[in-house]
PDB file of N, CA and C in Angstrom:
ATOM      1  N   MET A   1     -79.983  84.504 -74.077  1.00  0.00           N
ATOM      2  CA  MET A   1     -79.190  83.304 -74.444  1.00  0.00           C
ATOM      3  C   MET A   1     -79.511  81.811 -73.437  1.00  0.00           C
ATOM      4  N   ALA A   2     -79.917  82.487 -72.480  1.00  0.00           N
ATOM      5  CA  ALA A   2     -80.439  81.277 -71.158  1.00  0.00           C
ATOM      6  C   ALA A   2     -81.744  80.887 -71.845  1.00  0.00           C
ATOM      7  N   GLU A   3     -82.703  81.864 -72.246  1.00  0.00           N
ATOM      8  CA  GLU A   3     -84.118  81.078 -72.683  1.00  0.00           C
ATOM      9  C   GLU A   3     -84.012  80.523 -74.024  1.00  0.00           C
ATOM     10  N   VAL A   4     -83.089  80.743 -74.669  1.00  0.00           N
ATOM     11  CA  VAL A   4     -82.670  79.718 -75.758  1.00  0.00           C
ATOM     12  C   VAL A   4     -82.266  78.394 -75.479  1.00  0.00           C
ATOM     13  N   LEU A   5     -81.511  78.400 -74.421  1.00  0.00           N
ATOM     14  CA  LEU A   5     -80.785  77.208 -74.028  1.00  0.00           C
ATOM     15  C   LEU A   5     -82.125  76.329 -73.375  1.00  0.00           C
ATOM     16  N   ALA A   6     -82.455  76.912 -72.974  1.00  0.00           N
ATOM     17  CA  ALA A   6     -84.110  75.970 -71.948  1.00  0.00           C
ATOM     18  C   ALA A   6     -84.863  75.661 -72.848  1.00  0.00           C
ATOM     19  N   LEU A   7     -85.156  76.730 -74.123  1.00  0.00           N
ATOM     20  CA  LEU A   7     -86.142  76.288 -75.061  1.00  0.00           C
ATOM     21  C   LEU A   7     -85.452  74.851 -75.590  1.00  0.00           C
ATOM     22  N   LEU A   8     -84.288  74.955 -76.115  1.00  0.00           N
ATOM     23  CA  LEU A   8     -83.432  74.055 -76.826  1.00  0.00           C
ATOM     24  C   LEU A   8     -83.571  72.716 -75.996  1.00  0.00           C
ATOM     25  N   ALA A   9     -83.308  72.918 -74.910  1.00  0.00           N
ATOM     26  CA  ALA A   9     -83.582  71.592 -73.920  1.00  0.00           C
ATOM     27  C   ALA A   9     -84.916  70.950 -73.812  1.00  0.00           C
ATOM     28  N   VAL A  10     -86.060  71.908 -74.102  1.00  0.00           N
ATOM     29  CA  VAL A  10     -87.206  71.183 -73.942  1.00  0.00           C
ATOM     30  C   VAL A  10     -87.677  70.638 -75.350  1.00  0.00           C
ATOM     31  N   ILE A  11     -87.123  71.393 -76.456  1.00  0.00           N
ATOM     32  CA  ILE A  11     -87.383  70.485 -77.558  1.00  0.00           C
ATOM     33  C   ILE A  11     -86.995  69.341 -77.991  1.00  0.00           C
ATOM     34  N   GLY A  12     -85.423  69.429 -77.488  1.00  0.00           N
ATOM     35  CA  GLY A  12     -84.502  68.400 -77.599  1.00  0.00           C
ATOM     36  C   GLY A  12     -85.168  66.953 -77.038  1.00  0.00           C
ATOM     37  N   SER A  13     -86.013  67.371 -75.958  1.00  0.00           N
ATOM     38  CA  SER A  13     -86.612  66.176 -75.429  1.00  0.00           C
ATOM     39  C   SER A  13     -88.252  65.820 -76.141  1.00  0.00           C
ATOM     40  N   LEU A  14     -88.234  66.610 -76.518  1.00  0.00           N
ATOM     41  CA  LEU A  14     -89.620  66.405 -77.507  1.00  0.00           C
ATOM     42  C   LEU A  14     -89.403  65.815 -79.138  1.00  0.00           C
ATOM     43  N   VAL A  15     -88.262  66.402 -79.688  1.00  0.00           N
ATOM     44  CA  VAL A  15     -87.963  65.989 -81.218  1.00  0.00           C
ATOM     45  C   VAL A  15     -87.249  64.729 -81.020  1.00  0.00           C
ATOM     46  N   GLY A  16     -87.676  63.879 -82.110  1.00  0.00           N
ATOM     47  CA  GLY A  16     -86.966  62.333 -82.046  1.00  0.00           C
ATOM     48  C   GLY A  16     -87.423  61.416 -81.320  1.00  0.00           C
ATOM     49  N   VAL A  17     -88.826  61.502 -80.817  1.00  0.00           N
ATOM     50  CA  VAL A  17     -89.235  60.491 -79.850  1.00  0.00           C
ATOM     51  C   VAL A  17     -90.103  59.807 -80.774  1.00  0.00           C
ATOM     52  N   ALA A  18     -89.862  58.886 -81.204  1.00  0.00           N
ATOM     53  CA  ALA A  18     -90.416  57.812 -82.077  1.00  0.00           C
ATOM     54  C   ALA A  18     -92.092  57.128 -81.707  1.00  0.00           C
ATOM     55  N   ALA A  19     -92.834  57.489 -82.598  1.00  0.00           N
ATOM     56  CA  ALA A  19     -94.252  56.729 -82.173  1.00  0.00           C
ATOM     57  C   ALA A  19     -94.394  55.660 -81.604  1.00  0.00           C
ATOM     58  N   PRO A  20     -95.088  55.209 -80.716  1.00  0.00           N
ATOM     59  CA  PRO A  20     -95.275  53.719 -80.361  1.00  0.00           C
ATOM     60  C   PRO A  20     -95.494  52.791 -81.516  1.00  0.00           C
ATOM     61  N   ALA A  21     -94.709  51.674 -81.331  1.00  0.00           N
ATOM     62  CA  ALA A  21     -95.014  50.566 -81.998  1.00  0.00           C
ATOM     63  C   ALA A  21     -96.599  50.063 -82.083  1.00  0.00           C
ATOM     64  N   ALA A  22     -97.029  49.520 -83.431  1.00  0.00           N
ATOM     65  CA  ALA A  22     -98.547  48.969 -83.231  1.00  0.00           C
ATOM     66  C   ALA A  22     -98.425  47.552 -83.057  1.00  0.00           C
ATOM     67  N   ALA A  23     -97.003  47.103 -83.235  1.00  0.00           N
ATOM     68  CA  ALA A  23     -97.252  45.442 -82.767  1.00  0.00           C
ATOM     69  C   ALA A  23     -95.693  45.305 -82.114  1.00  0.00           C
ATOM     70  N   SER A  24     -95.557  44.470 -81.397  1.00  0.00           N
ATOM     71  CA  SER A  24     -94.524  44.340 -80.614  1.00  0.00           C
ATOM     72  C   SER A  24     -92.994  43.930 -81.614  1.00  0.00           C
ATOM     73  N   THR A  25     -93.577  43.181 -82.897  1.00  0.00           N
ATOM     74  CA  THR A  25     -92.306  43.014 -83.772  1.00  0.00           C
ATOM     75  C   THR A  25     -92.110  44.014 -84.575  1.00  0.00           C
ATOM     76  N   ALA A  26     -92.906  45.373 -84.725  1.00  0.00           N
ATOM     77  CA  ALA A  26     -92.625  46.305 -85.474  1.00  0.00           C
ATOM     78  C   ALA A  26     -91.366  47.247 -84.859  1.00  0.00           C
ATOM     79  N   LEU A  27     -90.622  47.677 -85.589  1.00  0.00           N
ATOM     80  CA  LEU A  27     -89.269  48.665 -85.525  1.00  0.00           C
ATOM     81  C   LEU A  27     -90.191  49.692 -85.148  1.00  0.00           C
ATOM     82  N   PRO A  28     -89.136  50.640 -84.549  1.00  0.00           N
ATOM     83  CA  PRO A  28     -89.504  52.183 -84.167  1.00  0.00           C
ATOM     84  C   PRO A  28     -89.116  52.968 -85.305  1.00  0.00           C
ATOM     85  N   LEU A  29     -90.132  53.930 -85.831  1.00  0.00           N
ATOM     86  CA  LEU A  29     -89.466  54.746 -86.757  1.00  0.00           C
ATOM     87  C   LEU A  29     -88.341  55.522 -86.429  1.00  0.00           C
ATOM     88  N   PRO A  30     -87.444  55.766 -87.495  1.00  0.00           N
ATOM     89  CA  PRO A  30     -86.298  56.593 -87.070  1.00  0.00           C
ATOM     90  C   PRO A  30     -86.648  58.037 -86.354  1.00  0.00           C
ATOM     91  N   PRO A  31     -85.826  58.810 -85.930  1.00  0.00           N
ATOM     92  CA  PRO A  31     -86.317  60.166 -85.197  1.00  0.00           C
ATOM     93  C   PRO A  31     -86.142  61.065 -86.597  1.00  0.00           C
ATOM     94  N   ASP A  32     -86.897  62.229 -86.533  1.00  0.00           N
ATOM     95  CA  ASP A  32     -86.878  62.985 -87.259  1.00  0.00           C
ATOM     96  C   ASP A  32     -85.717  64.155 -86.630  1.00  0.00           C
ATOM     97  N   TYR A  33     -85.056  64.767 -87.308  1.00  0.00           N
ATOM     98  CA  TYR A  33     -83.877  65.911 -87.091  1.00  0.00           C
ATOM     99  C   TYR A  33     -84.148  67.139 -87.514  1.00  0.00           C
ATOM    100  N   VAL A  34     -84.145  68.302 -86.741  1.00  0.00           N
ATOM    101  CA  VAL A  34     -84.218  69.489 -87.108  1.00  0.00           C
ATOM    102  C   VAL A  34     -83.106  70.444 -86.427  1.00  0.00           C
ATOM    103  N   ALA A  35     -82.068  70.979 -87.415  1.00  0.00           N
ATOM    104  CA  ALA A  35     -81.123  71.675 -87.039  1.00  0.00           C
ATOM    105  C   ALA A  35     -81.375  73.119 -86.911  1.00  0.00           C
ATOM    106  N   MET A  36     -81.466  73.757 -85.954  1.00  0.00           N
ATOM    107  CA  MET A  36     -82.050  74.978 -85.647  1.00  0.00           C
ATOM    108  C   MET A  36     -80.697  76.047 -85.153  1.00  0.00           C
ATOM    109  N   GLY A  37     -80.767  76.973 -85.087  1.00  0.00           N
ATOM    110  CA  GLY A  37     -79.704  77.926 -84.300  1.00  0.00           C
ATOM    111  C   GLY A  37     -79.178  79.156 -85.375  1.00  0.00           C
ATOM    112  N   ASP A  38     -77.717  79.420 -84.866  1.00  0.00           N
ATOM    113  CA  ASP A  38     -77.356  80.596 -85.730  1.00  0.00           C
ATOM    114  C   ASP A  38     -76.208  80.108 -86.554  1.00  0.00           C
ATOM    115  N   SER A  39     -74.959  80.992 -86.703  1.00  0.00           N
ATOM    116  CA  SER A  39     -73.817  80.705 -87.753  1.00  0.00           C
ATOM    117  C   SER A  39     -73.194  79.294 -87.000  1.00  0.00           C
ATOM    118  N   SER A  40     -73.213  79.062 -86.013  1.00  0.00           N
ATOM    119  CA  SER A  40     -72.301  77.907 -85.492  1.00  0.00           C
ATOM    120  C   SER A  40     -73.265  76.701 -86.066  1.00  0.00           C
ATOM    121  N   SER A  41     -74.458  76.366 -85.863  1.00  0.00           N
ATOM    122  CA  SER A  41     -75.338  75.353 -86.421  1.00  0.00           C
ATOM    123  C   SER A  41     -75.189  75.580 -87.983  1.00  0.00           C
ATOM    124  N   SER A  42     -75.629  76.755 -88.800  1.00  0.00           N
ATOM    125  CA  SER A  42     -75.544  76.659 -90.261  1.00  0.00           C
ATOM    126  C   SER A  42     -74.166  76.178 -90.901  1.00  0.00           C
ATOM    127  N   GLY A  43     -72.829  76.277 -90.203  1.00  0.00           N
ATOM    128  CA  GLY A  43     -71.881  75.907 -90.904  1.00  0.00           C
ATOM    129  C   GLY A  43     -70.988  77.289 -91.568  1.00  0.00           C
ATOM    130  N   LEU A  44     -71.394  78.186 -90.750  1.00  0.00           N
ATOM    131  CA  LEU A  44     -70.687  79.339 -91.360  1.00  0.00           C
ATOM    132  C   LEU A  44     -69.193  79.337 -91.171  1.00  0.00           C
ATOM    133  N   GLY A  45     -68.238  79.695 -91.959  1.00  0.00           N
ATOM    134  CA  GLY A  45     -66.777  79.230 -92.192  1.00  0.00           C
ATOM    135  C   GLY A  45     -66.536  77.787 -92.482  1.00  0.00           C
ATOM    136  N   ALA A  46     -67.349  77.481 -93.375  1.00  0.00           N
ATOM    137  CA  ALA A  46     -67.330  75.833 -93.450  1.00  0.00           C
ATOM    138  C   ALA A  46     -67.981  75.835 -95.159  1.00  0.00           C
ATOM    139  N   PRO A  47     -67.267  76.286 -96.002  1.00  0.00           N
ATOM    140  CA  PRO A  47     -68.029  76.292 -97.277  1.00  0.00           C
ATOM    141  C   PRO A  47     -67.805  74.794 -97.920  1.00  0.00           C
ATOM    142  N   PRO A  48     -68.431  74.422 -98.934  1.00  0.00           N
ATOM    143  CA  PRO A  48     -69.206  75.417 -99.917  1.00  0.00           C
ATOM    144  C   PRO A  48     -70.744  75.570 -99.040  1.00  0.00           C
ATOM    145  N   PHE A  49     -71.046  77.008 -99.560  1.00  0.00           N
ATOM    146  CA  PHE A  49     -72.504  77.399 -99.131  1.00  0.00           C
ATOM    147  C   PHE A  49     -73.604  76.986 -99.916  1.00  0.00           C
ATOM    148  N   ASP A  50     -74.621  76.731 -99.344  1.00  0.00           N
ATOM    149  CA  ASP A  50     -75.754  76.426-100.460  1.00  0.00           C
ATOM    150  C   ASP A  50     -76.354  77.766-101.091  1.00  0.00           C
ATOM    151  N   LEU A  51     -76.126  78.257-102.079  1.00  0.00           N
ATOM    152  CA  LEU A  51     -76.310  79.389-102.690  1.00  0.00           C
ATOM    153  C   LEU A  51     -77.862  79.842-102.780  1.00  0.00           C
ATOM    154  N   ASP A  52     -78.800  78.767-102.610  1.00  0.00           N
ATOM    155  CA  ASP A  52     -80.164  79.170-102.949  1.00  0.00           C
ATOM    156  C   ASP A  52     -80.878  79.444-101.443  1.00  0.00           C
ATOM    157  N   ALA A  53     -80.026  79.033-100.248  1.00  0.00           N
ATOM    158  CA  ALA A  53     -80.553  79.653 -99.125  1.00  0.00           C
ATOM    159  C   ALA A  53     -79.744  80.802 -98.360  1.00  0.00           C
ATOM    160  N   PRO A  54     -80.625  81.658 -97.969  1.00  0.00           N
ATOM    161  CA  PRO A  54     -80.014  82.950 -97.649  1.00  0.00           C
ATOM    162  C   PRO A  54     -79.301  83.154 -96.228  1.00  0.00           C
ATOM    163  N   CYS A  55     -79.107  81.956 -95.480  1.00  0.00           N
ATOM    164  CA  CYS A  55     -78.649  81.527 -94.636  1.00  0.00           C
ATOM    165  C   CYS A  55     -77.141  81.232 -94.359  1.00  0.00           C
ATOM    166  N   GLN A  56     -76.620  81.115 -95.320  1.00  0.00           N
ATOM    167  CA  GLN A  56     -75.038  80.589 -95.459  1.00  0.00           C
ATOM    168  C   GLN A  56     -74.670  79.306 -94.720  1.00  0.00           C
ATOM    169  N   ARG A  57     -75.789  78.353 -94.948  1.00  0.00           N
ATOM    170  CA  ARG A  57     -75.973  77.056 -94.799  1.00  0.00           C
ATOM    171  C   ARG A  57     -74.794  76.026 -95.459  1.00  0.00           C
ATOM    172  N   SER A  58     -74.277  75.435 -94.771  1.00  0.00           N
ATOM    173  CA  SER A  58     -73.265  74.374 -95.751  1.00  0.00           C
ATOM    174  C   SER A  58     -73.354  73.070 -95.499  1.00  0.00           C
ATOM    175  N   SER A  59     -72.902  72.196 -96.802  1.00  0.00           N
ATOM    176  CA  SER A  59     -73.055  70.958 -96.737  1.00  0.00           C
ATOM    177  C   SER A  59     -72.005  70.227 -95.492  1.00  0.00           C
ATOM    178  N   PRO A  60     -70.743  70.772 -95.364  1.00  0.00           N
ATOM    179  CA  PRO A  60     -69.991  70.248 -94.399  1.00  0.00           C
ATOM    180  C   PRO A  60     -70.286  70.586 -92.693  1.00  0.00           C
ATOM    181  N   SER A  61     -71.308  71.009 -92.547  1.00  0.00           N
ATOM    182  CA  SER A  61     -71.807  71.685 -91.138  1.00  0.00           C
ATOM    183  C   SER A  61     -72.161  70.633 -90.508  1.00  0.00           C
ATOM    184  N   TYR A  62     -72.008  70.682 -88.877  1.00  0.00           N
ATOM    185  CA  TYR A  62     -72.374  69.555 -88.375  1.00  0.00           C
ATOM    186  C   TYR A  62     -73.890  68.860 -88.288  1.00  0.00           C
ATOM    187  N   PRO A  63     -74.733  69.662 -88.406  1.00  0.00           N
ATOM    188  CA  PRO A  63     -76.158  68.951 -88.714  1.00  0.00           C
ATOM    189  C   PRO A  63     -76.152  68.192 -90.259  1.00  0.00           C
ATOM    190  N   ALA A  64     -75.488  68.805 -91.234  1.00  0.00           N
ATOM    191  CA  ALA A  64     -75.329  68.126 -92.618  1.00  0.00           C
ATOM    192  C   ALA A  64     -74.926  66.653 -92.210  1.00  0.00           C
ATOM    193  N   LEU A  65     -73.642  66.745 -91.826  1.00  0.00           N
ATOM    194  CA  LEU A  65     -72.889  65.656 -91.525  1.00  0.00           C
ATOM    195  C   LEU A  65     -73.857  64.536 -90.531  1.00  0.00           C
ATOM    196  N   TRP A  66     -74.200  65.122 -89.532  1.00  0.00           N
ATOM    197  CA  TRP A  66     -75.007  64.127 -88.599  1.00  0.00           C
ATOM    198  C   TRP A  66     -75.897  63.299 -89.327  1.00  0.00           C
ATOM    199  N   SER A  67     -76.521  64.188 -90.235  1.00  0.00           N
ATOM    200  CA  SER A  67     -77.803  63.749 -90.936  1.00  0.00           C
ATOM    201  C   SER A  67     -77.275  62.458 -91.945  1.00  0.00           C
ATOM    202  N   ALA A  68     -75.929  62.731 -92.703  1.00  0.00           N
ATOM    203  CA  ALA A  68     -75.857  61.883 -93.469  1.00  0.00           C
ATOM    204  C   ALA A  68     -75.444  60.812 -92.860  1.00  0.00           C
ATOM    205  N   GLU A  69     -74.931  61.034 -91.798  1.00  0.00           N
ATOM    206  CA  GLU A  69     -74.096  59.519 -91.095  1.00  0.00           C
ATOM    207  C   GLU A  69     -75.259  58.939 -90.204  1.00  0.00           C
ATOM    208  N   HIS A  70     -76.522  59.435 -90.038  1.00  0.00           N
ATOM    209  CA  HIS A  70     -77.251  58.716 -89.057  1.00  0.00           C
ATOM    210  C   HIS A  70     -78.873  58.456 -89.781  1.00  0.00           C
ATOM    211  N   HIS A  71     -79.102  59.053 -90.761  1.00  0.00           N
ATOM    212  CA  HIS A  71     -80.193  58.821 -91.788  1.00  0.00           C
ATOM    213  C   HIS A  71     -81.653  58.755 -91.100  1.00  0.00           C
ATOM    214  N   PRO A  72     -81.904  60.216 -90.310  1.00  0.00           N
ATOM    215  CA  PRO A  72     -83.106  60.324 -89.884  1.00  0.00           C
ATOM    216  C   PRO A  72     -84.049  59.857 -91.004  1.00  0.00           C
ATOM    217  N   ALA A  73     -85.262  60.246 -90.276  1.00  0.00           N
ATOM    218  CA  ALA A  73     -86.648  59.751 -91.097  1.00  0.00           C
ATOM    219  C   ALA A  73     -87.020  61.381 -91.765  1.00  0.00           C
ATOM    220  N   SER A  74     -86.450  62.335 -91.158  1.00  0.00           N
ATOM    221  CA  SER A  74     -86.644  63.650 -92.236  1.00  0.00           C
ATOM    222  C   SER A  74     -85.336  64.578 -91.402  1.00  0.00           C
ATOM    223  N   PHE A  75     -85.114  65.245 -92.142  1.00  0.00           N
ATOM    224  CA  PHE A  75     -84.015  66.364 -91.733  1.00  0.00           C
ATOM    225  C   PHE A  75     -84.342  67.685 -92.101  1.00  0.00           C
ATOM    226  N   GLY A  76     -84.641  68.388 -91.195  1.00  0.00           N
ATOM    227  CA  GLY A  76     -84.933  69.721 -91.605  1.00  0.00           C
ATOM    228  C   GLY A  76     -83.816  70.956 -91.153  1.00  0.00           C
ATOM    229  N   PHE A  77     -83.250  71.696 -92.131  1.00  0.00           N
ATOM    230  CA  PHE A  77     -81.986  72.303 -91.794  1.00  0.00           C
ATOM    231  C   PHE A  77     -82.868  73.622 -91.831  1.00  0.00           C
ATOM    232  N   VAL A  78     -82.969  74.596 -90.571  1.00  0.00           N
ATOM    233  CA  VAL A  78     -83.425  75.784 -90.760  1.00  0.00           C
ATOM    234  C   VAL A  78     -82.517  76.889 -90.146  1.00  0.00           C
ATOM    235  N   ALA A  79     -81.362  76.345 -89.765  1.00  0.00           N
ATOM    236  CA  ALA A  79     -80.296  77.242 -89.114  1.00  0.00           C
ATOM    237  C   ALA A  79     -79.961  78.244 -89.780  1.00  0.00           C
ATOM    238  N   CYS A  80     -79.649  79.632 -89.184  1.00  0.00           N
ATOM    239  CA  CYS A  80     -79.518  80.775 -90.084  1.00  0.00           C
ATOM    240  C   CYS A  80     -78.331  81.407 -89.636  1.00  0.00           C
ATOM    241  N   SER A  81     -77.382  81.825 -90.182  1.00  0.00           N
ATOM    242  CA  SER A  81     -76.389  82.567 -89.972  1.00  0.00           C
ATOM    243  C   SER A  81     -76.832  84.164 -89.308  1.00  0.00           C
ATOM    244  N   GLY A  82     -76.748  84.290 -88.287  1.00  0.00           N
ATOM    245  CA  GLY A  82     -76.918  85.820 -87.916  1.00  0.00           C
ATOM    246  C   GLY A  82     -78.475  85.893 -87.227  1.00  0.00           C
ATOM    247  N   ALA A  83     -78.950  84.449 -86.910  1.00  0.00           N
ATOM    248  CA  ALA A  83     -80.091  84.441 -86.034  1.00  0.00           C
ATOM    249  C   ALA A  83     -80.106  84.719 -84.668  1.00  0.00           C
ATOM    250  N   ARG A  84     -81.308  85.609 -84.230  1.00  0.00           N
ATOM    251  CA  ARG A  84     -81.459  85.899 -82.951  1.00  0.00           C
ATOM    252  C   ARG A  84     -82.375  85.244 -82.327  1.00  0.00           C
ATOM    253  N   THR A  85     -82.700  85.496 -80.954  1.00  0.00           N
ATOM    254  CA  THR A  85     -83.322  84.514 -80.433  1.00  0.00           C
ATOM    255  C   THR A  85     -84.988  84.695 -80.859  1.00  0.00           C
ATOM    256  N   THR A  86     -85.400  85.685 -81.534  1.00  0.00           N
ATOM    257  CA  THR A  86     -86.856  86.128 -82.159  1.00  0.00           C
ATOM    258  C   THR A  86     -86.740  85.056 -83.646  1.00  0.00           C
ATOM    259  N   ASP A  87     -85.640  85.032 -84.188  1.00  0.00           N
ATOM    260  CA  ASP A  87     -85.807  84.279 -85.118  1.00  0.00           C
ATOM    261  C   ASP A  87     -85.754  82.773 -84.951  1.00  0.00           C
ATOM    262  N   VAL A  88     -85.096  82.428 -84.082  1.00  0.00           N
ATOM    263  CA  VAL A  88     -85.509  81.188 -83.573  1.00  0.00           C
ATOM    264  C   VAL A  88     -86.770  80.661 -83.128  1.00  0.00           C
ATOM    265  N   LEU A  89     -87.238  81.456 -82.330  1.00  0.00           N
ATOM    266  CA  LEU A  89     -88.560  81.227 -81.731  1.00  0.00           C
ATOM    267  C   LEU A  89     -89.635  81.378 -83.123  1.00  0.00           C
ATOM    268  N   VAL A  90     -89.586  82.292 -83.835  1.00  0.00           N
ATOM    269  CA  VAL A  90     -90.639  82.633 -84.735  1.00  0.00           C
ATOM    270  C   VAL A  90     -90.502  81.391 -85.967  1.00  0.00           C
ATOM    271  N   ASN A  91     -89.145  81.488 -86.387  1.00  0.00           N
ATOM    272  CA  ASN A  91     -88.707  81.121 -87.869  1.00  0.00           C
ATOM    273  C   ASN A  91     -88.432  79.507 -87.725  1.00  0.00           C
ATOM    274  N   GLN A  92     -87.960  79.117 -86.720  1.00  0.00           N
ATOM    275  CA  GLN A  92     -87.123  78.029 -86.576  1.00  0.00           C
ATOM    276  C   GLN A  92     -88.065  76.866 -85.694  1.00  0.00           C
ATOM    277  N   VAL A  93     -88.333  77.425 -84.655  1.00  0.00           N
ATOM    278  CA  VAL A  93     -89.144  76.063 -83.984  1.00  0.00           C
ATOM    279  C   VAL A  93     -90.494  75.497 -84.607  1.00  0.00           C
ATOM    280  N   PRO A  94     -91.004  76.300 -85.504  1.00  0.00           N
ATOM    281  CA  PRO A  94     -92.303  75.771 -85.967  1.00  0.00           C
ATOM    282  C   PRO A  94     -91.710  74.520 -86.949  1.00  0.00           C
ATOM    283  N   ALA A  95     -90.695  74.546 -87.257  1.00  0.00           N
ATOM    284  CA  ALA A  95     -90.169  73.475 -88.145  1.00  0.00           C
ATOM    285  C   ALA A  95     -89.862  71.943 -87.121  1.00  0.00           C
ATOM    286  N   THR A  96     -90.068  71.815 -86.111  1.00  0.00           N
ATOM    287  CA  THR A  96     -89.857  70.827 -85.271  1.00  0.00           C
ATOM    288  C   THR A  96     -91.541  70.095 -85.058  1.00  0.00           C
ATOM    289  N   ALA A  97     -92.554  70.667 -85.930  1.00  0.00           N
ATOM    290  CA  ALA A  97     -93.824  70.082 -85.660  1.00  0.00           C
ATOM    291  C   ALA A  97     -93.346  68.450 -85.929  1.00  0.00           C
ATOM    292  N   THR A  98     -93.869  67.770 -85.194  1.00  0.00           N
ATOM    293  CA  THR A  98     -93.742  66.191 -85.715  1.00  0.00           C
ATOM    294  C   THR A  98     -94.382  65.537 -86.665  1.00  0.00           C
ATOM    295  N   ARG A  99     -94.338  64.561 -87.143  1.00  0.00           N
ATOM    296  CA  ARG A  99     -94.997  64.096 -88.319  1.00  0.00           C
ATOM    297  C   ARG A  99     -95.730  63.031 -87.835  1.00  0.00           C
ATOM    298  N   SER A 100     -97.110  62.771 -88.463  1.00  0.00           N
ATOM    299  CA  SER A 100     -97.984  61.910 -88.083  1.00  0.00           C
ATOM    300  C   SER A 100     -97.904  60.617 -88.495  1.00  0.00           C
TER     301      SER A 100
END
C-alpha cells in the first residue's frame, strides 16, 4: 500500500501540469485528469454503475463528479473495483500519459 501511495504522489505531481504558454497572453491549457484506484475511486456502493465497464464505475463517484464540476481538458476514468497494486501499475498508470 505504501508503494501505491508513493506512486500516486509522484503521478499527482506530474499529471495536470499545463504546457507552457506560447505567448504571454495565451491562457494555460486546462489540466488532464485521470482517476485511478480501486473500489473507493470507482464508486462501488454508489449506483448506477456503467454496465459497459467491468469495473463497477459509477456516475456519482467522486472522480466523475469532480470532472463534471471542474471541466478538465480530458478525463480518464480507469479506476476498477477490486484493483490491486499490479492492476494499478500495469493497467491504470499508462492512462496518465500526457497529451502533446
